[in-house]
N, C-alpha and C. Protein backbone atom coordinates (compact mmCIF):
# COMPACT_ATOMS: atom_id res chain seq x y z
N MET A 1 -10.66 6.55 14.31
CA MET A 1 -10.24 6.79 12.95
C MET A 1 -9.79 8.23 12.78
N LYS A 2 -10.53 9.16 13.40
CA LYS A 2 -10.17 10.57 13.30
C LYS A 2 -8.79 10.81 13.90
N ASN A 3 -8.49 10.15 15.03
CA ASN A 3 -7.17 10.29 15.65
C ASN A 3 -6.07 9.79 14.73
N LEU A 4 -6.33 8.69 14.03
CA LEU A 4 -5.34 8.13 13.11
C LEU A 4 -5.08 9.09 11.96
N VAL A 5 -6.12 9.72 11.45
CA VAL A 5 -5.97 10.68 10.37
C VAL A 5 -5.14 11.87 10.85
N CYS A 6 -5.42 12.36 12.05
CA CYS A 6 -4.64 13.48 12.61
C CYS A 6 -3.19 13.08 12.82
N LEU A 7 -2.97 11.91 13.39
CA LEU A 7 -1.61 11.42 13.62
C LEU A 7 -0.86 11.28 12.31
N THR A 8 -1.51 10.73 11.30
CA THR A 8 -0.88 10.57 10.00
C THR A 8 -0.52 11.93 9.41
N GLY A 9 -1.39 12.88 9.55
CA GLY A 9 -1.12 14.22 9.04
C GLY A 9 0.07 14.86 9.73
N VAL A 10 0.15 14.72 11.05
CA VAL A 10 1.29 15.26 11.80
C VAL A 10 2.58 14.57 11.38
N LEU A 11 2.54 13.27 11.26
CA LEU A 11 3.74 12.54 10.85
C LEU A 11 4.16 12.93 9.44
N LEU A 12 3.21 13.11 8.56
CA LEU A 12 3.53 13.52 7.19
C LEU A 12 4.17 14.89 7.19
N LEU A 13 3.60 15.82 7.93
CA LEU A 13 4.17 17.16 8.00
C LEU A 13 5.59 17.11 8.55
N PHE A 14 5.81 16.30 9.58
CA PHE A 14 7.14 16.16 10.16
C PHE A 14 8.12 15.63 9.13
N ALA A 15 7.73 14.62 8.40
CA ALA A 15 8.63 14.02 7.41
C ALA A 15 8.93 14.97 6.27
N VAL A 16 7.92 15.64 5.78
CA VAL A 16 8.10 16.53 4.64
C VAL A 16 8.98 17.72 5.00
N THR A 17 8.88 18.22 6.23
CA THR A 17 9.63 19.41 6.60
C THR A 17 11.02 19.12 7.13
N THR A 18 11.34 17.86 7.43
CA THR A 18 12.65 17.58 8.03
C THR A 18 13.55 16.71 7.19
N TYR A 19 13.13 16.26 6.03
CA TYR A 19 13.95 15.29 5.31
C TYR A 19 15.33 15.83 4.95
N ALA A 20 15.45 17.11 4.62
CA ALA A 20 16.73 17.65 4.19
C ALA A 20 17.75 17.72 5.32
N GLN A 21 17.30 17.71 6.57
CA GLN A 21 18.20 17.78 7.70
C GLN A 21 18.90 16.46 7.96
N ASP A 22 18.36 15.36 7.50
CA ASP A 22 18.87 14.06 7.86
C ASP A 22 19.77 13.41 6.82
N CYS A 23 19.84 13.95 5.64
CA CYS A 23 20.69 13.39 4.60
C CYS A 23 20.99 14.46 3.57
N THR A 24 22.02 14.24 2.85
CA THR A 24 22.38 15.16 1.78
C THR A 24 21.73 14.68 0.49
N LEU A 25 20.95 15.54 -0.11
CA LEU A 25 20.26 15.19 -1.34
C LEU A 25 20.87 15.96 -2.49
N ASN A 26 21.26 15.23 -3.53
CA ASN A 26 21.74 15.92 -4.72
C ASN A 26 20.53 16.49 -5.47
N GLU A 27 20.78 17.17 -6.56
CA GLU A 27 19.70 17.83 -7.28
C GLU A 27 18.63 16.85 -7.77
N ASP A 28 19.06 15.69 -8.26
CA ASP A 28 18.08 14.71 -8.74
C ASP A 28 17.21 14.19 -7.60
N ALA A 29 17.82 13.88 -6.46
CA ALA A 29 17.05 13.40 -5.31
C ALA A 29 16.09 14.48 -4.83
N GLN A 30 16.55 15.73 -4.81
CA GLN A 30 15.69 16.84 -4.41
C GLN A 30 14.50 16.98 -5.35
N ARG A 31 14.75 16.82 -6.65
CA ARG A 31 13.68 16.91 -7.64
C ARG A 31 12.60 15.88 -7.35
N TYR A 32 13.00 14.63 -7.16
CA TYR A 32 12.01 13.57 -6.96
C TYR A 32 11.34 13.66 -5.59
N MET A 33 12.05 14.17 -4.59
CA MET A 33 11.42 14.39 -3.29
C MET A 33 10.33 15.46 -3.43
N ALA A 34 10.67 16.54 -4.13
CA ALA A 34 9.69 17.62 -4.33
C ALA A 34 8.48 17.11 -5.10
N ARG A 35 8.72 16.31 -6.13
CA ARG A 35 7.62 15.75 -6.92
C ARG A 35 6.75 14.83 -6.06
N GLY A 36 7.38 14.02 -5.22
CA GLY A 36 6.64 13.15 -4.32
C GLY A 36 5.80 13.94 -3.33
N ASN A 37 6.38 15.01 -2.79
CA ASN A 37 5.65 15.85 -1.85
C ASN A 37 4.43 16.50 -2.50
N VAL A 38 4.59 16.96 -3.74
CA VAL A 38 3.45 17.55 -4.46
C VAL A 38 2.39 16.48 -4.72
N ALA A 39 2.82 15.28 -5.06
CA ALA A 39 1.86 14.19 -5.29
C ALA A 39 1.06 13.91 -4.03
N ILE A 40 1.71 13.97 -2.87
CA ILE A 40 0.98 13.78 -1.60
C ILE A 40 0.00 14.92 -1.39
N GLU A 41 0.47 16.14 -1.56
CA GLU A 41 -0.38 17.31 -1.32
C GLU A 41 -1.60 17.34 -2.24
N SER A 42 -1.45 16.86 -3.46
CA SER A 42 -2.56 16.93 -4.41
C SER A 42 -3.38 15.64 -4.49
N ALA A 43 -3.08 14.68 -3.63
CA ALA A 43 -3.78 13.39 -3.67
C ALA A 43 -5.28 13.60 -3.45
N GLN A 44 -6.06 13.03 -4.33
CA GLN A 44 -7.52 13.11 -4.25
C GLN A 44 -8.13 11.82 -3.71
N SER A 45 -7.37 10.74 -3.77
CA SER A 45 -7.88 9.45 -3.30
C SER A 45 -6.71 8.64 -2.75
N ASN A 46 -7.04 7.54 -2.11
CA ASN A 46 -6.00 6.68 -1.55
C ASN A 46 -5.02 6.21 -2.62
N ALA A 47 -5.52 5.88 -3.78
CA ALA A 47 -4.67 5.37 -4.85
C ALA A 47 -3.67 6.41 -5.35
N ASP A 48 -4.00 7.69 -5.20
CA ASP A 48 -3.10 8.75 -5.66
C ASP A 48 -1.77 8.75 -4.90
N TYR A 49 -1.76 8.21 -3.70
CA TYR A 49 -0.52 8.16 -2.93
C TYR A 49 0.52 7.25 -3.60
N LEU A 50 0.06 6.34 -4.41
CA LEU A 50 1.00 5.45 -5.10
C LEU A 50 1.82 6.20 -6.14
N SER A 51 1.30 7.29 -6.67
CA SER A 51 2.08 8.13 -7.58
C SER A 51 3.24 8.76 -6.82
N ALA A 52 2.98 9.16 -5.59
CA ALA A 52 4.04 9.73 -4.75
C ALA A 52 5.11 8.68 -4.46
N VAL A 53 4.68 7.44 -4.23
CA VAL A 53 5.65 6.35 -3.97
C VAL A 53 6.63 6.24 -5.13
N GLU A 54 6.12 6.31 -6.35
CA GLU A 54 7.01 6.18 -7.52
C GLU A 54 8.04 7.30 -7.55
N GLU A 55 7.65 8.50 -7.19
CA GLU A 55 8.59 9.62 -7.16
C GLU A 55 9.63 9.42 -6.06
N PHE A 56 9.19 8.98 -4.89
CA PHE A 56 10.14 8.75 -3.80
C PHE A 56 11.11 7.61 -4.12
N LYS A 57 10.62 6.60 -4.82
CA LYS A 57 11.52 5.51 -5.22
C LYS A 57 12.59 6.01 -6.18
N LYS A 58 12.24 6.95 -7.03
CA LYS A 58 13.25 7.56 -7.91
C LYS A 58 14.27 8.33 -7.09
N ALA A 59 13.82 9.03 -6.05
CA ALA A 59 14.73 9.75 -5.18
C ALA A 59 15.71 8.80 -4.50
N LEU A 60 15.24 7.61 -4.15
CA LEU A 60 16.10 6.61 -3.51
C LEU A 60 17.27 6.21 -4.40
N GLN A 61 17.09 6.27 -5.69
CA GLN A 61 18.18 5.92 -6.60
C GLN A 61 19.36 6.86 -6.41
N TYR A 62 19.09 8.09 -5.98
CA TYR A 62 20.14 9.09 -5.81
C TYR A 62 20.56 9.28 -4.35
N ALA A 63 19.73 8.83 -3.43
CA ALA A 63 20.02 8.98 -2.00
C ALA A 63 19.52 7.74 -1.25
N PRO A 64 20.15 6.57 -1.49
CA PRO A 64 19.63 5.32 -0.94
C PRO A 64 19.73 5.20 0.58
N ASN A 65 20.47 6.08 1.22
CA ASN A 65 20.59 6.01 2.68
C ASN A 65 19.87 7.14 3.39
N CYS A 66 18.96 7.78 2.70
CA CYS A 66 18.20 8.87 3.30
C CYS A 66 16.97 8.28 4.00
N PRO A 67 16.95 8.30 5.32
CA PRO A 67 15.86 7.64 6.05
C PRO A 67 14.48 8.22 5.76
N ASP A 68 14.41 9.51 5.55
CA ASP A 68 13.09 10.12 5.38
C ASP A 68 12.43 9.80 4.05
N ILE A 69 13.22 9.38 3.08
CA ILE A 69 12.60 8.90 1.84
C ILE A 69 11.85 7.60 2.15
N TYR A 70 12.46 6.73 2.93
CA TYR A 70 11.78 5.49 3.32
C TYR A 70 10.53 5.79 4.14
N TYR A 71 10.63 6.78 5.01
CA TYR A 71 9.48 7.15 5.82
C TYR A 71 8.33 7.61 4.91
N ASN A 72 8.65 8.47 3.95
CA ASN A 72 7.61 8.97 3.05
C ASN A 72 6.98 7.85 2.23
N ILE A 73 7.79 6.90 1.79
CA ILE A 73 7.25 5.75 1.05
C ILE A 73 6.31 4.96 1.95
N ALA A 74 6.76 4.70 3.18
CA ALA A 74 5.93 3.95 4.13
C ALA A 74 4.61 4.66 4.38
N LEU A 75 4.69 5.96 4.58
CA LEU A 75 3.49 6.74 4.87
C LEU A 75 2.51 6.69 3.70
N CYS A 76 3.04 6.76 2.48
CA CYS A 76 2.17 6.69 1.30
C CYS A 76 1.47 5.34 1.20
N TYR A 77 2.23 4.26 1.43
CA TYR A 77 1.59 2.94 1.42
C TYR A 77 0.56 2.85 2.53
N ASP A 78 0.91 3.39 3.69
CA ASP A 78 0.01 3.38 4.84
C ASP A 78 -1.29 4.11 4.48
N LYS A 79 -1.19 5.27 3.87
CA LYS A 79 -2.37 6.06 3.52
C LYS A 79 -3.18 5.44 2.38
N SER A 80 -2.53 4.67 1.52
CA SER A 80 -3.22 4.09 0.37
C SER A 80 -3.85 2.73 0.70
N MET A 81 -3.76 2.31 1.93
CA MET A 81 -4.25 0.98 2.32
C MET A 81 -5.71 0.76 2.00
N GLY A 82 -6.51 1.81 1.96
CA GLY A 82 -7.92 1.65 1.65
C GLY A 82 -8.18 1.44 0.17
N SER A 83 -7.15 1.53 -0.63
CA SER A 83 -7.32 1.41 -2.08
C SER A 83 -7.58 -0.03 -2.49
N ASP A 84 -8.37 -0.20 -3.53
CA ASP A 84 -8.61 -1.53 -4.08
C ASP A 84 -7.37 -2.11 -4.75
N LEU A 85 -6.34 -1.28 -4.90
CA LEU A 85 -5.10 -1.77 -5.52
C LEU A 85 -4.40 -2.80 -4.65
N PHE A 86 -4.73 -2.79 -3.37
CA PHE A 86 -4.08 -3.73 -2.45
C PHE A 86 -5.07 -4.77 -1.96
N LYS A 87 -5.00 -5.90 -2.56
CA LYS A 87 -5.78 -7.04 -2.10
C LYS A 87 -4.86 -7.86 -1.20
N GLY A 88 -5.33 -8.25 -0.06
CA GLY A 88 -4.48 -9.00 0.85
C GLY A 88 -3.57 -8.06 1.62
N SER A 89 -2.34 -8.50 1.87
CA SER A 89 -1.48 -7.77 2.80
C SER A 89 -0.30 -7.06 2.14
N LYS A 90 -0.27 -6.94 0.82
CA LYS A 90 0.87 -6.32 0.14
C LYS A 90 1.15 -4.90 0.63
N GLY A 91 0.13 -4.07 0.73
CA GLY A 91 0.32 -2.70 1.19
C GLY A 91 0.86 -2.64 2.60
N PHE A 92 0.36 -3.51 3.47
CA PHE A 92 0.86 -3.57 4.84
C PHE A 92 2.34 -3.92 4.84
N ALA A 93 2.71 -4.92 4.06
CA ALA A 93 4.11 -5.36 4.01
C ALA A 93 5.02 -4.24 3.53
N GLU A 94 4.59 -3.51 2.51
CA GLU A 94 5.39 -2.40 1.99
C GLU A 94 5.55 -1.30 3.03
N ALA A 95 4.46 -0.94 3.69
CA ALA A 95 4.53 0.11 4.71
C ALA A 95 5.44 -0.32 5.86
N ILE A 96 5.26 -1.53 6.33
CA ILE A 96 6.08 -2.04 7.44
C ILE A 96 7.55 -2.07 7.06
N GLU A 97 7.86 -2.60 5.91
CA GLU A 97 9.26 -2.71 5.47
C GLU A 97 9.93 -1.33 5.39
N ASN A 98 9.23 -0.35 4.86
CA ASN A 98 9.81 0.97 4.71
C ASN A 98 9.90 1.73 6.04
N TYR A 99 8.92 1.55 6.92
CA TYR A 99 9.03 2.13 8.26
C TYR A 99 10.25 1.53 8.98
N LYS A 100 10.46 0.24 8.83
CA LYS A 100 11.60 -0.41 9.48
C LYS A 100 12.94 0.10 8.91
N LYS A 101 13.00 0.32 7.61
CA LYS A 101 14.21 0.88 7.01
C LYS A 101 14.47 2.28 7.55
N TYR A 102 13.40 3.05 7.68
CA TYR A 102 13.52 4.40 8.25
C TYR A 102 14.16 4.33 9.64
N LEU A 103 13.62 3.46 10.48
CA LEU A 103 14.14 3.36 11.85
C LEU A 103 15.56 2.81 11.89
N ALA A 104 15.89 1.91 10.98
CA ALA A 104 17.25 1.37 10.94
C ALA A 104 18.26 2.44 10.54
N LEU A 105 17.87 3.32 9.63
CA LEU A 105 18.76 4.38 9.18
C LEU A 105 18.77 5.58 10.11
N LYS A 106 17.76 5.69 10.95
CA LYS A 106 17.63 6.83 11.85
C LYS A 106 17.25 6.33 13.24
N PRO A 107 18.17 5.60 13.90
CA PRO A 107 17.83 4.94 15.17
C PRO A 107 17.48 5.90 16.31
N ASN A 108 17.87 7.13 16.22
CA ASN A 108 17.57 8.10 17.27
C ASN A 108 16.47 9.09 16.85
N ALA A 109 15.63 8.67 15.94
CA ALA A 109 14.56 9.54 15.45
C ALA A 109 13.66 9.98 16.60
N GLN A 110 13.25 11.24 16.57
CA GLN A 110 12.37 11.76 17.61
C GLN A 110 11.02 11.03 17.62
N ASP A 111 10.60 10.56 16.47
CA ASP A 111 9.31 9.89 16.36
C ASP A 111 9.44 8.36 16.40
N LYS A 112 10.55 7.88 16.90
CA LYS A 112 10.84 6.44 16.90
C LYS A 112 9.70 5.63 17.54
N GLN A 113 9.25 6.03 18.70
CA GLN A 113 8.20 5.26 19.39
C GLN A 113 6.89 5.29 18.62
N THR A 114 6.55 6.42 18.06
CA THR A 114 5.32 6.53 17.28
C THR A 114 5.37 5.64 16.05
N VAL A 115 6.50 5.66 15.36
CA VAL A 115 6.66 4.84 14.16
C VAL A 115 6.64 3.36 14.54
N GLN A 116 7.33 3.00 15.62
CA GLN A 116 7.34 1.60 16.04
C GLN A 116 5.94 1.13 16.40
N THR A 117 5.19 1.97 17.07
CA THR A 117 3.80 1.63 17.40
C THR A 117 2.99 1.43 16.13
N ARG A 118 3.21 2.27 15.14
CA ARG A 118 2.47 2.12 13.88
C ARG A 118 2.84 0.81 13.20
N ILE A 119 4.10 0.42 13.27
CA ILE A 119 4.51 -0.88 12.72
C ILE A 119 3.74 -2.01 13.39
N TYR A 120 3.64 -1.96 14.72
CA TYR A 120 2.89 -3.00 15.45
C TYR A 120 1.43 -3.03 15.01
N GLU A 121 0.84 -1.85 14.83
CA GLU A 121 -0.56 -1.78 14.40
C GLU A 121 -0.74 -2.39 13.01
N LEU A 122 0.16 -2.05 12.11
CA LEU A 122 0.08 -2.59 10.75
C LEU A 122 0.31 -4.10 10.72
N GLU A 123 1.22 -4.57 11.55
CA GLU A 123 1.46 -6.02 11.62
C GLU A 123 0.20 -6.74 12.08
N TYR A 124 -0.49 -6.17 13.06
CA TYR A 124 -1.73 -6.77 13.54
C TYR A 124 -2.78 -6.81 12.41
N LYS A 125 -2.95 -5.68 11.72
CA LYS A 125 -3.92 -5.62 10.63
C LYS A 125 -3.55 -6.59 9.51
N GLN A 126 -2.26 -6.69 9.23
CA GLN A 126 -1.80 -7.61 8.20
C GLN A 126 -2.12 -9.06 8.58
N GLU A 127 -1.90 -9.41 9.83
CA GLU A 127 -2.21 -10.78 10.28
C GLU A 127 -3.70 -11.06 10.15
N LYS A 128 -4.54 -10.10 10.49
CA LYS A 128 -5.99 -10.29 10.41
C LYS A 128 -6.42 -10.52 8.96
N ILE A 129 -5.85 -9.79 8.03
CA ILE A 129 -6.22 -9.94 6.62
C ILE A 129 -5.73 -11.29 6.08
N GLU A 130 -4.54 -11.71 6.50
CA GLU A 130 -4.00 -12.98 6.01
C GLU A 130 -4.80 -14.18 6.46
N PHE A 131 -5.57 -14.03 7.54
CA PHE A 131 -6.35 -15.16 8.04
C PHE A 131 -7.79 -15.14 7.54
N ILE A 132 -8.12 -14.14 6.76
CA ILE A 132 -9.50 -14.07 6.22
C ILE A 132 -9.61 -14.90 4.97
């Protein structure tokens, strides 16, 4: 579990520091990305990451082809999985879908293998929950 927390932190730092390099963000998209990043930084509980998701979704309205927005959304759903807000596999599905969009928009991503591995892990966890 400790390794997963460290890996998630490294991936989050990578996404937050590199998003501007991969797409052009207008002022509105930049505003919502910044708000989402602050929501992540100030998160006190798993459920707080869902506030960041809402900000990133607003950024998508202005930059729908920016892969790192999808990555940040996926990461927030991934981190909020322990929240009681997700009964069943909804959180897993959201994280998986957004990680896949990230990889589709950024096929040569440096973290491609790590993200793909995380997708496989989430798919496994999702299957286990669906059979309970």
